[in-house]
Protein backbone atom coordinates (compact mmCIF):
# COMPACT_ATOMS: atom_id res chain seq x y z
CA UNK A 1 2.61 -96.19 45.43
CA UNK A 2 4.50 -93.17 44.08
CA UNK A 3 3.16 -91.75 40.80
CA UNK A 4 6.20 -90.13 39.25
CA UNK A 5 9.17 -92.28 38.16
CA UNK A 6 11.50 -89.41 39.09
CA UNK A 7 10.33 -89.21 42.70
CA UNK A 8 10.11 -92.89 43.58
CA UNK A 9 11.59 -93.34 47.04
CA UNK A 10 14.59 -95.63 47.22
CA UNK A 11 15.31 -98.19 49.91
CA UNK A 12 18.50 -99.74 51.15
CA UNK A 13 17.94 -103.18 52.65
CA UNK A 14 20.82 -104.22 54.93
CA UNK A 15 20.13 -107.87 55.70
CA UNK A 16 22.49 -110.85 55.79
CA UNK A 17 19.83 -113.43 54.89
CA UNK A 18 19.47 -113.33 51.09
CA UNK A 19 15.99 -114.87 51.21
CA UNK A 20 14.67 -112.17 53.58
CA UNK A 21 16.40 -109.44 51.58
CA UNK A 22 14.87 -110.79 48.37
CA UNK A 23 11.35 -110.98 49.85
CA UNK A 24 11.53 -107.41 51.15
CA UNK A 25 12.98 -106.13 47.86
CA UNK A 26 10.29 -107.93 45.86
CA UNK A 27 7.50 -106.47 48.02
CA UNK A 28 8.91 -102.94 47.77
CA UNK A 29 9.59 -103.26 44.03
CA UNK A 30 5.99 -104.38 43.52
CA UNK A 31 4.83 -101.25 45.37
CA UNK A 32 6.83 -99.13 42.92
CA UNK A 33 9.85 -98.35 45.05
CA UNK A 34 13.53 -98.62 44.09
CA UNK A 35 15.59 -101.05 46.18
CA UNK A 36 19.26 -101.66 46.83
CA UNK A 37 20.69 -104.43 49.00
CA UNK A 38 23.71 -104.99 51.20
CA UNK A 39 24.50 -108.08 53.25
CA UNK A 40 26.45 -106.79 56.25
CA UNK A 41 27.15 -103.54 58.10
CA UNK A 42 30.23 -102.36 56.18
CA UNK A 43 28.57 -103.13 52.81
CA UNK A 44 25.50 -101.30 54.08
CA UNK A 45 27.48 -98.19 54.99
CA UNK A 46 29.22 -98.21 51.60
CA UNK A 47 25.87 -98.70 49.83
CA UNK A 48 24.37 -95.85 51.87
CA UNK A 49 27.01 -93.42 50.60
CA UNK A 50 26.66 -94.66 47.01
CA UNK A 51 22.86 -94.75 46.78
CA UNK A 52 21.70 -92.09 49.26
CA UNK A 53 18.43 -93.96 49.93
CA UNK A 54 15.30 -92.33 51.29
CA UNK A 55 14.84 -95.09 53.86
CA UNK A 56 16.90 -97.96 55.27
CA UNK A 57 15.62 -101.35 56.38
CA UNK A 58 18.17 -102.82 58.78
CA UNK A 59 18.64 -106.22 60.39
CA UNK A 60 20.37 -106.53 63.78
CA UNK A 61 22.04 -109.95 63.67
CA UNK A 62 24.63 -109.68 60.89
CA UNK A 63 28.25 -110.77 60.47
CA UNK A 64 31.19 -108.35 60.46
CA UNK A 65 29.22 -105.46 62.02
CA UNK A 66 25.84 -105.91 63.67
CA UNK A 67 22.84 -103.69 63.09
CA UNK A 68 23.29 -101.82 66.37
CA UNK A 69 26.75 -100.59 65.36
CA UNK A 70 25.61 -99.97 61.78
CA UNK A 71 22.72 -97.84 63.06
CA UNK A 72 24.99 -95.92 65.44
CA UNK A 73 27.41 -95.15 62.60
CA UNK A 74 24.58 -94.12 60.27
CA UNK A 75 23.21 -91.75 62.91
CA UNK A 76 26.56 -89.97 63.14
CA UNK A 77 26.20 -88.84 59.52
CA UNK A 78 22.53 -89.15 58.57
CA UNK A 79 18.94 -88.64 59.60
CA UNK A 80 17.70 -91.04 56.90
CA UNK A 81 14.75 -92.99 58.35
CA UNK A 82 15.60 -96.51 59.52
CA UNK A 83 13.22 -99.40 60.12
CA UNK A 84 14.77 -102.24 62.09
CA UNK A 85 13.59 -105.60 60.74
CA UNK A 86 14.80 -108.34 63.06
CA UNK A 87 14.01 -111.47 65.05
CA UNK A 88 15.03 -109.70 68.27
CA UNK A 89 11.67 -109.21 69.97
CA UNK A 90 12.59 -108.53 73.61
CA UNK A 91 11.41 -105.18 74.96
CA UNK A 92 15.00 -104.15 75.75
CA UNK A 93 16.01 -104.79 72.11
CA UNK A 94 13.12 -102.71 70.78
CA UNK A 95 13.97 -99.92 73.21
CA UNK A 96 17.67 -100.13 72.28
CA UNK A 97 16.86 -99.84 68.58
CA UNK A 98 14.61 -96.84 69.12
CA UNK A 99 17.09 -95.17 71.48
CA UNK A 100 19.89 -95.63 68.94
CA UNK A 101 17.77 -93.75 66.41
CA UNK A 102 15.56 -96.24 64.58
CA UNK A 103 12.31 -94.72 63.34
CA UNK A 104 10.42 -97.99 63.64
CA UNK A 105 11.05 -101.58 64.72
CA UNK A 106 9.42 -104.58 63.05
CA UNK A 107 9.86 -108.09 64.44
CA UNK A 108 10.13 -111.13 62.15
CA UNK A 109 8.15 -112.98 61.12
CA UNK A 110 6.22 -110.05 59.70
CA UNK A 111 3.20 -109.68 57.48
CA UNK A 112 3.58 -108.08 54.07
CA UNK A 113 0.70 -105.67 54.75
CA UNK A 114 2.30 -104.63 58.04
CA UNK A 115 5.63 -103.98 56.32
CA UNK A 116 3.93 -101.82 53.66
CA UNK A 117 1.93 -99.95 56.32
CA UNK A 118 5.03 -99.19 58.37
CA UNK A 119 7.03 -98.13 55.30
CA UNK A 120 4.18 -95.88 54.16
CA UNK A 121 3.90 -94.35 57.62
CA UNK A 122 7.62 -93.55 57.81
CA UNK A 123 7.58 -92.12 54.28
CA UNK A 124 4.52 -90.01 55.08
CA UNK A 125 6.24 -88.65 58.20
CA UNK A 126 9.21 -87.69 56.07
CA UNK A 127 6.97 -86.08 53.41
CA UNK A 128 8.06 -88.51 50.68
CA UNK A 129 4.58 -90.01 50.21
CA UNK A 130 1.27 -88.33 51.04
């Protein structure tokens, strides 16, 4: 967990299922991180520009604009780390996510400890948490 209030990493959770978004936000908040939420791709892109998060957690299956398109658009303007958090577990989906620029890919259902470990790993790679 980050020590200094001023350097707490912020997360943008782009997830259309409010219950999943709330669980992820609660877990990250408990770990001392700042969270913001959006519920579809266009809201997520708008929230990205407004909040400038340190990391994005992104679902694939969303209305209006799916996570694949959202990720592709994010990668045109940003290198912000992205963790895909989705029910799509086929190898070709995982490969697609990583090829589009995701930094990690976590399949639901997921364990809380695994989510924290993956978040910590991505943050450590980006020098936000040692």
